[in-house]
Amino acid sequence: MTGTVYPYITVTACSPTHITGAPSVRFHAAKTWARLARVPVSVDTLEAFRTAIELLSQVAGLEQTVSKRYANLTDVSHLTMSASAAAIDAGQNETALEWLEQGRCLVWNQIQQLRTPVENLHAHNPSLANRFRDAATALEASGSRQTEPVLFAKKTMRQMITAQAENKRHAELAKELNQLLDEIRALPGFSDFLRPPTASTLLEGLTCDGPVVIFNLHEDRCGALALISGADEPLHIPLPTFSHKQAVELRDRLHGYLKKQGVRVREAERAGRPLDLPKKGMIHMILREIWEHVVKPVLNALACNDSVSCPFTRHPDATH
């Protein structure tokens, strides 16, 4: 715990690596640390992102309310994409894959309202899950009280004794939570509880049907990671002619065009009619850009393009 002292006021800030801090407070501190250490990428940068993502798993994994799950989506995606971009810059493709997959899992679980890791634990060991949730909730509440500004000069002796007791209880809760994490991760099937999946586990689970390509579209860089059966690590494929801004513009143009044509998926489902996508010039233009700047570079890197030509070279008003 570090602090800056002003006259009559003590302001404390929790270190993201200090185990006695509340998970949410440590998480926000780790995000700030990662942002400040982002350029240039260094060992400190990756450690900051690693700390933030591990804490994100705890914060998101404990969240139960639907509104909070959706509120976390933007933070999850942006953090994991930033972290993966930094890992790729550092030449650590396996770490980039692990962080991207962690973000994908967290977002997917929140969108679909699937079981959180704690709910999975509860199905296996209700008592241990309840102990963990109670300790985490108590630690979070204790951390919130400790971050409030304190007017030291106005504190009575009783208040000072109470604060000391709360600090002791906070430390005990943090120790209990970490002991519970160790106990949970010792259970069969729970070794990765609230942790990102390992790259080796992801690669081992691949089939031989073909590569799996994961895209990371970030403000700093756009690229892909190809997972190939039998490979020791993911293959990084840069997308130098594509940008996050282009991706957003293409998405917005396609969304606007489909909405104007009245063929958005949700609208079609509500109307009870089949989805009939128009094949006009706008669609061909969007698909051509995706082909040129995204699909073709990936096929080139995978050596799959010897006899492949762009399927979107016909007249823009073509209907086939």
C-alpha atoms as a PDB file:
ATOM      1  CA  MET A   1       0.000   0.000   0.000  1.00  0.00           C
ATOM      2  CA  THR A   2       1.434   3.352  -1.037  1.00  0.00           C
ATOM      3  CA  GLY A   3       0.242   6.790  -0.064  1.00  0.00           C
ATOM      4  CA  THR A   4       0.596  10.497  -0.718  1.00  0.00           C
ATOM      5  CA  VAL A   5       0.273  12.688   2.383  1.00  0.00           C
ATOM      6  CA  TYR A   6      -1.412  16.094   2.310  1.00  0.00           C
ATOM      7  CA  PRO A   7      -2.182  18.363   5.295  1.00  0.00           C
ATOM      8  CA  TYR A   8      -4.786  16.605   7.452  1.00  0.00           C
ATOM      9  CA  ILE A   9      -5.618  14.127   4.689  1.00  0.00           C
ATOM     10  CA  THR A  10      -4.083  10.798   3.748  1.00  0.00           C
ATOM     11  CA  VAL A  11      -4.941   9.406   0.309  1.00  0.00           C
ATOM     12  CA  THR A  12      -4.064   5.748  -0.233  1.00  0.00           C
ATOM     13  CA  ALA A  13      -3.772   3.834  -3.486  1.00  0.00           C
ATOM     14  CA  CYS A  14      -3.793   0.078  -3.789  1.00  0.00           C
ATOM     15  CA  SER A  15      -0.969  -1.633  -5.654  1.00  0.00           C
ATOM     16  CA  PRO A  16      -2.307  -4.079  -8.297  1.00  0.00           C
ATOM     17  CA  THR A  17       0.171  -6.741  -7.160  1.00  0.00           C
ATOM     18  CA  HIS A  18      -0.594  -6.372  -3.446  1.00  0.00           C
ATOM     19  CA  ILE A  19      -2.709  -9.376  -2.446  1.00  0.00           C
ATOM     20  CA  THR A  20      -4.504  -7.509   0.340  1.00  0.00           C
ATOM     21  CA  GLY A  21      -6.229  -5.146  -2.070  1.00  0.00           C
ATOM     22  CA  ALA A  22      -9.827  -5.604  -3.201  1.00  0.00           C
ATOM     23  CA  PRO A  23      -9.937  -7.318  -6.641  1.00  0.00           C
ATOM     24  CA  SER A  24     -11.805  -4.467  -8.390  1.00  0.00           C
ATOM     25  CA  VAL A  25      -9.465  -1.800  -6.972  1.00  0.00           C
ATOM     26  CA  ARG A  26      -6.397  -3.820  -7.959  1.00  0.00           C
ATOM     27  CA  PHE A  27      -7.912  -4.398 -11.416  1.00  0.00           C
ATOM     28  CA  HIS A  28      -8.376  -0.681 -12.110  1.00  0.00           C
ATOM     29  CA  ALA A  29      -4.865   0.017 -10.803  1.00  0.00           C
ATOM     30  CA  ALA A  30      -3.455  -2.676 -13.109  1.00  0.00           C
ATOM     31  CA  LYS A  31      -5.267  -1.187 -16.125  1.00  0.00           C
ATOM     32  CA  THR A  32      -3.736   2.207 -15.367  1.00  0.00           C
ATOM     33  CA  TRP A  33      -0.319   0.590 -14.963  1.00  0.00           C
ATOM     34  CA  ALA A  34      -0.687  -1.166 -18.341  1.00  0.00           C
ATOM     35  CA  ARG A  35      -1.794   2.012 -20.090  1.00  0.00           C
ATOM     36  CA  LEU A  36       1.154   4.004 -18.748  1.00  0.00           C
ATOM     37  CA  ALA A  37       3.633   1.221 -19.617  1.00  0.00           C
ATOM     38  CA  ARG A  38       2.181   0.545 -23.101  1.00  0.00           C
ATOM     39  CA  VAL A  39       4.828   2.452 -25.124  1.00  0.00           C
ATOM     40  CA  PRO A  40       7.414   1.179 -25.558  1.00  0.00           C
ATOM     41  CA  VAL A  41       6.469  -2.447 -24.922  1.00  0.00           C
ATOM     42  CA  SER A  42       8.639  -3.938 -22.188  1.00  0.00           C
ATOM     43  CA  VAL A  43       8.648  -6.693 -19.594  1.00  0.00           C
ATOM     44  CA  ASP A  44       6.865  -4.244 -17.292  1.00  0.00           C
ATOM     45  CA  THR A  45       4.119  -3.758 -19.918  1.00  0.00           C
ATOM     46  CA  LEU A  46       3.411  -7.476 -20.182  1.00  0.00           C
ATOM     47  CA  GLU A  47       3.458  -7.907 -16.408  1.00  0.00           C
ATOM     48  CA  ALA A  48       0.923  -5.081 -16.087  1.00  0.00           C
ATOM     49  CA  PHE A  49      -1.404  -6.665 -18.657  1.00  0.00           C
ATOM     50  CA  ARG A  50      -0.958 -10.128 -17.123  1.00  0.00           C
ATOM     51  CA  THR A  51      -1.934  -8.763 -13.717  1.00  0.00           C
ATOM     52  CA  ALA A  52      -4.953  -6.928 -15.154  1.00  0.00           C
ATOM     53  CA  ILE A  53      -6.248  -9.966 -17.053  1.00  0.00           C
ATOM     54  CA  GLU A  54      -5.881 -12.297 -14.075  1.00  0.00           C
ATOM     55  CA  LEU A  55      -7.794  -9.797 -11.943  1.00  0.00           C
ATOM     56  CA  LEU A  56     -10.370  -9.315 -14.699  1.00  0.00           C
ATOM     57  CA  SER A  57     -11.059 -13.050 -14.512  1.00  0.00           C
ATOM     58  CA  GLN A  58     -11.771 -12.714 -10.792  1.00  0.00           C
ATOM     59  CA  VAL A  59     -13.951  -9.614 -11.120  1.00  0.00           C
ATOM     60  CA  ALA A  60     -15.956 -10.898 -14.111  1.00  0.00           C
ATOM     61  CA  GLY A  61     -16.104 -14.427 -12.745  1.00  0.00           C
ATOM     62  CA  LEU A  62     -17.719 -13.273  -9.516  1.00  0.00           C
ATOM     63  CA  GLU A  63     -20.275 -10.976 -11.184  1.00  0.00           C
ATOM     64  CA  GLN A  64     -23.795 -12.388 -11.162  1.00  0.00           C
ATOM     65  CA  THR A  65     -26.137  -9.613 -12.339  1.00  0.00           C
ATOM     66  CA  VAL A  66     -27.000  -9.389 -16.024  1.00  0.00           C
ATOM     67  CA  SER A  67     -26.660  -5.588 -16.117  1.00  0.00           C
ATOM     68  CA  LYS A  68     -23.147  -5.765 -14.700  1.00  0.00           C
ATOM     69  CA  ARG A  69     -22.178  -8.498 -17.149  1.00  0.00           C
ATOM     70  CA  TYR A  70     -23.113  -6.303 -20.109  1.00  0.00           C
ATOM     71  CA  ALA A  71     -21.423  -3.269 -18.562  1.00  0.00           C
ATOM     72  CA  ASN A  72     -18.157  -5.225 -18.462  1.00  0.00           C
ATOM     73  CA  LEU A  73     -18.172  -6.198 -22.160  1.00  0.00           C
ATOM     74  CA  THR A  74     -16.421  -3.107 -23.496  1.00  0.00           C
ATOM     75  CA  ASP A  75     -13.687  -3.236 -20.871  1.00  0.00           C
ATOM     76  CA  VAL A  76     -13.099  -6.947 -21.446  1.00  0.00           C
ATOM     77  CA  SER A  77     -12.718  -6.634 -25.225  1.00  0.00           C
ATOM     78  CA  HIS A  78     -10.566  -3.527 -25.185  1.00  0.00           C
ATOM     79  CA  LEU A  79      -8.273  -4.800 -22.447  1.00  0.00           C
ATOM     80  CA  THR A  80      -7.644  -8.218 -23.987  1.00  0.00           C
ATOM     81  CA  MET A  81      -7.091  -6.781 -27.484  1.00  0.00           C
ATOM     82  CA  SER A  82      -4.635  -4.207 -26.116  1.00  0.00           C
ATOM     83  CA  ALA A  83      -2.853  -6.882 -24.118  1.00  0.00           C
ATOM     84  CA  SER A  84      -2.637  -9.237 -27.100  1.00  0.00           C
ATOM     85  CA  ALA A  85      -1.292  -6.479 -29.349  1.00  0.00           C
ATOM     86  CA  ALA A  86       1.427  -5.759 -26.774  1.00  0.00           C
ATOM     87  CA  ALA A  87       2.287  -9.465 -26.504  1.00  0.00           C
ATOM     88  CA  ILE A  88       2.601  -9.746 -30.295  1.00  0.00           C
ATOM     89  CA  ASP A  89       4.849  -6.665 -30.345  1.00  0.00           C
ATOM     90  CA  ALA A  90       7.040  -8.481 -27.818  1.00  0.00           C
ATOM     91  CA  GLY A  91       7.110 -11.642 -29.944  1.00  0.00           C
ATOM     92  CA  GLN A  92       5.060 -13.653 -27.425  1.00  0.00           C
ATOM     93  CA  ASN A  93       2.411 -15.157 -29.710  1.00  0.00           C
ATOM     94  CA  GLU A  94       1.390 -17.848 -27.206  1.00  0.00           C
ATOM     95  CA  THR A  95       0.650 -15.236 -24.563  1.00  0.00           C
ATOM     96  CA  ALA A  96      -1.317 -13.191 -27.112  1.00  0.00           C
ATOM     97  CA  LEU A  97      -3.425 -16.258 -27.924  1.00  0.00           C
ATOM     98  CA  GLU A  98      -4.125 -16.986 -24.259  1.00  0.00           C
ATOM     99  CA  TRP A  99      -5.262 -13.437 -23.599  1.00  0.00           C
ATOM    100  CA  LEU A 100      -7.459 -13.263 -26.713  1.00  0.00           C
ATOM    101  CA  GLU A 101      -9.123 -16.553 -25.801  1.00  0.00           C
ATOM    102  CA  GLN A 102      -9.690 -15.373 -22.240  1.00  0.00           C
ATOM    103  CA  GLY A 103     -11.429 -12.248 -23.511  1.00  0.00           C
ATOM    104  CA  ARG A 104     -13.513 -14.254 -25.980  1.00  0.00           C
ATOM    105  CA  CYS A 105     -14.646 -16.665 -23.265  1.00  0.00           C
ATOM    106  CA  LEU A 106     -15.571 -13.898 -20.833  1.00  0.00           C
ATOM    107  CA  VAL A 107     -17.506 -11.911 -23.459  1.00  0.00           C
ATOM    108  CA  TRP A 108     -19.285 -15.006 -24.786  1.00  0.00           C
ATOM    109  CA  ASN A 109     -20.281 -16.130 -21.298  1.00  0.00           C
ATOM    110  CA  GLN A 110     -21.639 -12.683 -20.490  1.00  0.00           C
ATOM    111  CA  ILE A 111     -23.592 -12.342 -23.752  1.00  0.00           C
ATOM    112  CA  GLN A 112     -25.118 -15.802 -23.461  1.00  0.00           C
ATOM    113  CA  GLN A 113     -25.521 -15.540 -19.672  1.00  0.00           C
ATOM    114  CA  LEU A 114     -23.717 -18.838 -19.332  1.00  0.00           C
ATOM    115  CA  ARG A 115     -22.355 -20.200 -16.094  1.00  0.00           C
ATOM    116  CA  THR A 116     -19.567 -18.227 -14.485  1.00  0.00           C
ATOM    117  CA  PRO A 117     -16.541 -20.161 -13.177  1.00  0.00           C
ATOM    118  CA  VAL A 118     -17.923 -19.844  -9.643  1.00  0.00           C
ATOM    119  CA  GLU A 119     -21.247 -21.353 -10.751  1.00  0.00           C
ATOM    120  CA  ASN A 120     -19.365 -24.275 -12.313  1.00  0.00           C
ATOM    121  CA  LEU A 121     -17.528 -24.732  -9.027  1.00  0.00           C
ATOM    122  CA  HIS A 122     -20.837 -24.601  -7.152  1.00  0.00           C
ATOM    123  CA  ALA A 123     -22.162 -27.486  -9.229  1.00  0.00           C
ATOM    124  CA  HIS A 124     -19.100 -29.515  -8.215  1.00  0.00           C
ATOM    125  CA  ASN A 125     -18.579 -28.348  -4.614  1.00  0.00           C
ATOM    126  CA  PRO A 126     -21.306 -26.020  -3.254  1.00  0.00           C
ATOM    127  CA  SER A 127     -19.653 -25.514   0.122  1.00  0.00           C
ATOM    128  CA  LEU A 128     -16.313 -24.430  -1.310  1.00  0.00           C
ATOM    129  CA  ALA A 129     -18.004 -22.168  -3.872  1.00  0.00           C
ATOM    130  CA  ASN A 130     -20.062 -20.442  -1.184  1.00  0.00           C
ATOM    131  CA  ARG A 131     -16.989 -19.914   1.000  1.00  0.00           C
ATOM    132  CA  PHE A 132     -15.101 -18.413  -1.923  1.00  0.00           C
ATOM    133  CA  ARG A 133     -17.970 -16.116  -2.936  1.00  0.00           C
ATOM    134  CA  ASP A 134     -18.513 -14.936   0.652  1.00  0.00           C
ATOM    135  CA  ALA A 135     -14.806 -14.210   1.158  1.00  0.00           C
ATOM    136  CA  ALA A 136     -14.540 -12.355  -2.170  1.00  0.00           C
ATOM    137  CA  THR A 137     -17.665 -10.275  -1.464  1.00  0.00           C
ATOM    138  CA  ALA A 138     -16.453  -9.389   2.032  1.00  0.00           C
ATOM    139  CA  LEU A 139     -12.996  -8.438   0.730  1.00  0.00           C
ATOM    140  CA  GLU A 140     -14.549  -6.220  -1.949  1.00  0.00           C
ATOM    141  CA  ALA A 141     -16.733  -4.445   0.617  1.00  0.00           C
ATOM    142  CA  SER A 142     -13.776  -4.008   2.966  1.00  0.00           C
ATOM    143  CA  GLY A 143     -11.648  -2.584   0.156  1.00  0.00           C
ATOM    144  CA  SER A 144     -14.348  -0.057  -0.735  1.00  0.00           C
ATOM    145  CA  ARG A 145     -14.402   1.254   2.828  1.00  0.00           C
ATOM    146  CA  GLN A 146     -10.610   1.575   2.908  1.00  0.00           C
ATOM    147  CA  THR A 147     -10.456   3.692  -0.266  1.00  0.00           C
ATOM    148  CA  GLU A 148     -12.610   6.458   1.264  1.00  0.00           C
ATOM    149  CA  PRO A 149     -10.669   9.674   2.138  1.00  0.00           C
ATOM    150  CA  VAL A 150      -9.954   9.986   5.843  1.00  0.00           C
ATOM    151  CA  LEU A 151      -9.810  13.249   7.782  1.00  0.00           C
ATOM    152  CA  PHE A 152      -7.142  12.059  10.183  1.00  0.00           C
ATOM    153  CA  ALA A 153      -7.283  15.140  12.422  1.00  0.00           C
ATOM    154  CA  LYS A 154     -10.992  14.587  13.132  1.00  0.00           C
ATOM    155  CA  LYS A 155     -10.759  10.894  13.985  1.00  0.00           C
ATOM    156  CA  THR A 156     -11.515   9.883  17.549  1.00  0.00           C
ATOM    157  CA  MET A 157      -9.599   7.185  19.375  1.00  0.00           C
ATOM    158  CA  ARG A 158     -12.584   4.832  18.976  1.00  0.00           C
ATOM    159  CA  GLN A 159     -12.598   5.442  15.220  1.00  0.00           C
ATOM    160  CA  MET A 160      -8.867   4.807  15.006  1.00  0.00           C
ATOM    161  CA  ILE A 161      -9.248   1.504  16.893  1.00  0.00           C
ATOM    162  CA  THR A 162     -12.131   0.529  14.604  1.00  0.00           C
ATOM    163  CA  ALA A 163     -10.061   1.363  11.509  1.00  0.00           C
ATOM    164  CA  GLN A 164      -7.167  -0.728  12.805  1.00  0.00           C
ATOM    165  CA  ALA A 165      -9.527  -3.663  13.378  1.00  0.00           C
ATOM    166  CA  GLU A 166     -10.918  -3.267   9.850  1.00  0.00           C
ATOM    167  CA  ASN A 167      -7.408  -3.261   8.391  1.00  0.00           C
ATOM    168  CA  LYS A 168      -6.634  -6.473  10.250  1.00  0.00           C
ATOM    169  CA  ARG A 169      -9.875  -8.078   9.053  1.00  0.00           C
ATOM    170  CA  HIS A 170      -9.139  -6.955   5.489  1.00  0.00           C
ATOM    171  CA  ALA A 171      -5.725  -8.642   5.557  1.00  0.00           C
ATOM    172  CA  GLU A 172      -7.284 -11.822   6.966  1.00  0.00           C
ATOM    173  CA  LEU A 173      -9.906 -11.856   4.185  1.00  0.00           C
ATOM    174  CA  ALA A 174      -7.227 -11.440   1.514  1.00  0.00           C
ATOM    175  CA  LYS A 175      -5.224 -14.314   2.966  1.00  0.00           C
ATOM    176  CA  GLU A 176      -8.355 -16.479   3.178  1.00  0.00           C
ATOM    177  CA  LEU A 177      -9.297 -15.721  -0.439  1.00  0.00           C
ATOM    178  CA  ASN A 178      -5.865 -16.698  -1.732  1.00  0.00           C
ATOM    179  CA  GLN A 179      -5.916 -19.908   0.325  1.00  0.00           C
ATOM    180  CA  LEU A 180      -9.326 -20.747  -1.134  1.00  0.00           C
ATOM    181  CA  LEU A 181      -7.995 -20.121  -4.658  1.00  0.00           C
ATOM    182  CA  ASP A 182      -5.159 -22.573  -4.007  1.00  0.00           C
ATOM    183  CA  GLU A 183      -7.638 -25.135  -2.634  1.00  0.00           C
ATOM    184  CA  ILE A 184      -9.957 -24.764  -5.635  1.00  0.00           C
ATOM    185  CA  ARG A 185      -7.131 -25.020  -8.172  1.00  0.00           C
ATOM    186  CA  ALA A 186      -5.972 -28.250  -6.538  1.00  0.00           C
ATOM    187  CA  LEU A 187      -9.294 -29.897  -7.472  1.00  0.00           C
ATOM    188  CA  PRO A 188      -9.380 -32.098 -10.607  1.00  0.00           C
ATOM    189  CA  GLY A 189     -10.585 -30.022 -13.549  1.00  0.00           C
ATOM    190  CA  PHE A 190     -10.186 -26.662 -11.789  1.00  0.00           C
ATOM    191  CA  SER A 191      -6.452 -26.003 -12.190  1.00  0.00           C
ATOM    192  CA  ASP A 192      -7.245 -22.991 -14.449  1.00  0.00           C
ATOM    193  CA  PHE A 193      -9.978 -21.576 -12.185  1.00  0.00           C
ATOM    194  CA  LEU A 194     -10.193 -17.803 -12.906  1.00  0.00           C
ATOM    195  CA  ARG A 195      -7.070 -18.048 -15.080  1.00  0.00           C
ATOM    196  CA  PRO A 196      -6.626 -17.679 -18.856  1.00  0.00           C
ATOM    197  CA  PRO A 197      -6.417 -21.008 -20.723  1.00  0.00           C
ATOM    198  CA  THR A 198      -2.887 -21.998 -21.715  1.00  0.00           C
ATOM    199  CA  ALA A 199      -1.781 -21.912 -25.356  1.00  0.00           C
ATOM    200  CA  SER A 200      -0.668 -25.543 -25.175  1.00  0.00           C
ATOM    201  CA  THR A 201      -4.161 -26.612 -24.079  1.00  0.00           C
ATOM    202  CA  LEU A 202      -5.762 -24.685 -26.951  1.00  0.00           C
ATOM    203  CA  LEU A 203      -3.361 -26.122 -29.526  1.00  0.00           C
ATOM    204  CA  GLU A 204      -3.793 -29.672 -28.234  1.00  0.00           C
ATOM    205  CA  GLY A 205      -7.555 -29.394 -28.687  1.00  0.00           C
ATOM    206  CA  LEU A 206      -7.341 -28.654 -32.424  1.00  0.00           C
ATOM    207  CA  THR A 207      -8.603 -31.099 -35.010  1.00  0.00           C
ATOM    208  CA  CYS A 208      -6.848 -31.862 -38.296  1.00  0.00           C
ATOM    209  CA  ASP A 209      -9.616 -30.337 -40.442  1.00  0.00           C
ATOM    210  CA  GLY A 210      -7.748 -27.086 -40.958  1.00  0.00           C
ATOM    211  CA  PRO A 211      -6.316 -24.042 -39.200  1.00  0.00           C
ATOM    212  CA  VAL A 212      -8.294 -21.851 -36.817  1.00  0.00           C
ATOM    213  CA  VAL A 213      -7.730 -18.131 -37.360  1.00  0.00           C
ATOM    214  CA  ILE A 214      -8.310 -15.570 -34.590  1.00  0.00           C
ATOM    215  CA  PHE A 215      -8.321 -11.873 -35.488  1.00  0.00           C
ATOM    216  CA  ASN A 216      -7.243  -9.035 -33.214  1.00  0.00           C
ATOM    217  CA  LEU A 217      -8.387  -5.644 -34.518  1.00  0.00           C
ATOM    218  CA  HIS A 218      -6.838  -3.027 -32.273  1.00  0.00           C
ATOM    219  CA  GLU A 219      -6.210   0.704 -32.646  1.00  0.00           C
ATOM    220  CA  ASP A 220      -2.444   0.120 -32.604  1.00  0.00           C
ATOM    221  CA  ARG A 221      -2.266  -2.844 -34.968  1.00  0.00           C
ATOM    222  CA  CYS A 222      -4.432  -5.391 -36.770  1.00  0.00           C
ATOM    223  CA  GLY A 223      -3.388  -8.978 -37.214  1.00  0.00           C
ATOM    224  CA  ALA A 224      -4.344 -12.608 -36.893  1.00  0.00           C
ATOM    225  CA  LEU A 225      -3.139 -15.677 -35.068  1.00  0.00           C
ATOM    226  CA  ALA A 226      -3.451 -18.969 -36.954  1.00  0.00           C
ATOM    227  CA  LEU A 227      -3.723 -22.130 -34.867  1.00  0.00           C
ATOM    228  CA  ILE A 228      -2.450 -25.078 -36.877  1.00  0.00           C
ATOM    229  CA  SER A 229      -2.739 -28.682 -35.738  1.00  0.00           C
ATOM    230  CA  GLY A 230       0.687 -30.058 -34.849  1.00  0.00           C
ATOM    231  CA  ALA A 231       2.328 -26.634 -34.543  1.00  0.00           C
ATOM    232  CA  ASP A 232       4.188 -25.708 -31.372  1.00  0.00           C
ATOM    233  CA  GLU A 233       2.898 -22.141 -31.292  1.00  0.00           C
ATOM    234  CA  PRO A 234       0.417 -19.868 -33.105  1.00  0.00           C
ATOM    235  CA  LEU A 235       1.440 -18.274 -36.399  1.00  0.00           C
ATOM    236  CA  HIS A 236       1.220 -14.483 -36.328  1.00  0.00           C
ATOM    237  CA  ILE A 237      -0.124 -12.963 -39.564  1.00  0.00           C
ATOM    238  CA  PRO A 238       0.172  -9.148 -39.802  1.00  0.00           C
ATOM    239  CA  LEU A 239      -2.555  -7.214 -41.618  1.00  0.00           C
ATOM    240  CA  PRO A 240      -0.584  -4.071 -42.530  1.00  0.00           C
ATOM    241  CA  THR A 241      -3.172  -2.626 -44.942  1.00  0.00           C
ATOM    242  CA  PHE A 242      -6.116  -3.002 -42.570  1.00  0.00           C
ATOM    243  CA  SER A 243      -6.952  -0.848 -39.561  1.00  0.00           C
ATOM    244  CA  HIS A 244      -9.380  -0.739 -36.669  1.00  0.00           C
ATOM    245  CA  LYS A 245     -10.931   2.365 -38.251  1.00  0.00           C
ATOM    246  CA  GLN A 246     -11.551   0.454 -41.502  1.00  0.00           C
ATOM    247  CA  ALA A 247     -13.176  -2.384 -39.599  1.00  0.00           C
ATOM    248  CA  VAL A 248     -15.547  -0.003 -37.810  1.00  0.00           C
ATOM    249  CA  GLU A 249     -16.425   1.778 -41.076  1.00  0.00           C
ATOM    250  CA  LEU A 250     -17.136  -1.496 -42.903  1.00  0.00           C
ATOM    251  CA  ARG A 251     -19.304  -2.690 -40.028  1.00  0.00           C
ATOM    252  CA  ASP A 252     -21.272   0.557 -39.958  1.00  0.00           C
ATOM    253  CA  ARG A 253     -21.745   0.602 -43.728  1.00  0.00           C
ATOM    254  CA  LEU A 254     -22.993  -2.973 -43.794  1.00  0.00           C
ATOM    255  CA  HIS A 255     -25.253  -2.380 -40.795  1.00  0.00           C
ATOM    256  CA  GLY A 256     -26.713   0.770 -42.366  1.00  0.00           C
ATOM    257  CA  TYR A 257     -27.236  -0.884 -45.752  1.00  0.00           C
ATOM    258  CA  LEU A 258     -28.991  -3.938 -44.338  1.00  0.00           C
ATOM    259  CA  LYS A 259     -31.164  -1.786 -42.108  1.00  0.00           C
ATOM    260  CA  LYS A 260     -32.150   0.376 -45.078  1.00  0.00           C
ATOM    261  CA  GLN A 261     -33.074  -2.746 -47.054  1.00  0.00           C
ATOM    262  CA  GLY A 262     -35.115  -4.083 -44.120  1.00  0.00           C
ATOM    263  CA  VAL A 263     -33.162  -7.326 -43.945  1.00  0.00           C
ATOM    264  CA  ARG A 264     -31.473  -7.135 -40.554  1.00  0.00           C
ATOM    265  CA  VAL A 265     -31.513 -10.547 -38.904  1.00  0.00           C
ATOM    266  CA  ARG A 266     -33.561  -9.478 -35.868  1.00  0.00           C
ATOM    267  CA  GLU A 267     -36.113  -7.617 -38.007  1.00  0.00           C
ATOM    268  CA  ALA A 268     -36.513 -10.621 -40.301  1.00  0.00           C
ATOM    269  CA  GLU A 269     -36.979 -12.946 -37.352  1.00  0.00           C
ATOM    270  CA  ARG A 270     -39.598 -10.671 -35.802  1.00  0.00           C
ATOM    271  CA  ALA A 271     -41.468 -10.463 -39.114  1.00  0.00           C
ATOM    272  CA  GLY A 272     -41.419 -14.238 -39.448  1.00  0.00           C
ATOM    273  CA  ARG A 273     -39.940 -14.144 -42.960  1.00  0.00           C
ATOM    274  CA  PRO A 274     -36.740 -15.703 -44.335  1.00  0.00           C
ATOM    275  CA  LEU A 275     -33.617 -13.558 -44.488  1.00  0.00           C
ATOM    276  CA  ASP A 276     -32.985 -12.533 -48.121  1.00  0.00           C
ATOM    277  CA  LEU A 277     -29.714 -10.628 -48.328  1.00  0.00           C
ATOM    278  CA  PRO A 278     -29.509  -8.304 -51.344  1.00  0.00           C
ATOM    279  CA  LYS A 279     -26.508  -8.846 -53.607  1.00  0.00           C
ATOM    280  CA  LYS A 280     -25.875  -5.301 -54.756  1.00  0.00           C
ATOM    281  CA  GLY A 281     -22.815  -3.136 -55.312  1.00  0.00           C
ATOM    282  CA  MET A 282     -22.451  -2.146 -51.647  1.00  0.00           C
ATOM    283  CA  ILE A 283     -22.208  -5.768 -50.546  1.00  0.00           C
ATOM    284  CA  HIS A 284     -19.590  -6.529 -53.209  1.00  0.00           C
ATOM    285  CA  MET A 285     -17.553  -3.484 -52.234  1.00  0.00           C
ATOM    286  CA  ILE A 286     -17.526  -4.456 -48.561  1.00  0.00           C
ATOM    287  CA  LEU A 287     -16.649  -8.081 -49.282  1.00  0.00           C
ATOM    288  CA  ARG A 288     -13.930  -7.052 -51.721  1.00  0.00           C
ATOM    289  CA  GLU A 289     -12.245  -4.878 -49.082  1.00  0.00           C
ATOM    290  CA  ILE A 290     -12.389  -7.731 -46.585  1.00  0.00           C
ATOM    291  CA  TRP A 291     -10.928 -10.074 -49.204  1.00  0.00           C
ATOM    292  CA  GLU A 292      -8.076  -7.763 -50.194  1.00  0.00           C
ATOM    293  CA  HIS A 293      -7.035  -6.594 -46.730  1.00  0.00           C
ATOM    294  CA  VAL A 294      -7.977  -9.528 -44.466  1.00  0.00           C
ATOM    295  CA  VAL A 295      -8.713 -12.854 -46.165  1.00  0.00           C
ATOM    296  CA  LYS A 296      -6.048 -12.783 -48.882  1.00  0.00           C
ATOM    297  CA  PRO A 297      -3.127 -11.960 -46.527  1.00  0.00           C
ATOM    298  CA  VAL A 298      -4.193 -14.854 -44.286  1.00  0.00           C
ATOM    299  CA  LEU A 299      -4.351 -17.271 -47.226  1.00  0.00           C
ATOM    300  CA  ASN A 300      -0.971 -16.016 -48.417  1.00  0.00           C
ATOM    301  CA  ALA A 301       0.562 -16.711 -45.015  1.00  0.00           C
ATOM    302  CA  LEU A 302      -0.997 -20.175 -44.930  1.00  0.00           C
ATOM    303  CA  ALA A 303       0.184 -20.902 -48.503  1.00  0.00           C
ATOM    304  CA  CYS A 304      -3.395 -21.544 -49.591  1.00  0.00           C
ATOM    305  CA  ASN A 305      -3.633 -18.978 -52.391  1.00  0.00           C
ATOM    306  CA  ASP A 306      -1.829 -20.558 -55.343  1.00  0.00           C
ATOM    307  CA  SER A 307      -5.006 -21.012 -57.330  1.00  0.00           C
ATOM    308  CA  VAL A 308      -7.341 -18.672 -55.467  1.00  0.00           C
ATOM    309  CA  SER A 309      -8.608 -15.500 -57.092  1.00  0.00           C
ATOM    310  CA  CYS A 310     -10.809 -12.792 -55.680  1.00  0.00           C
ATOM    311  CA  PRO A 311     -14.484 -13.804 -56.002  1.00  0.00           C
ATOM    312  CA  PHE A 312     -15.610 -10.166 -55.844  1.00  0.00           C
ATOM    313  CA  THR A 313     -14.148  -8.851 -59.112  1.00  0.00           C
ATOM    314  CA  ARG A 314     -17.386  -8.841 -61.091  1.00  0.00           C
ATOM    315  CA  HIS A 315     -19.318  -5.731 -61.988  1.00  0.00           C
ATOM    316  CA  PRO A 316     -20.499  -4.031 -58.776  1.00  0.00           C
ATOM    317  CA  ASP A 317     -24.118  -4.221 -59.865  1.00  0.00           C
ATOM    318  CA  ALA A 318     -23.943  -7.963 -60.478  1.00  0.00           C
ATOM    319  CA  THR A 319     -26.589 -10.023 -58.693  1.00  0.00           C
ATOM    320  CA  HIS A 320     -24.676 -13.315 -58.505  1.00  0.00           C
END
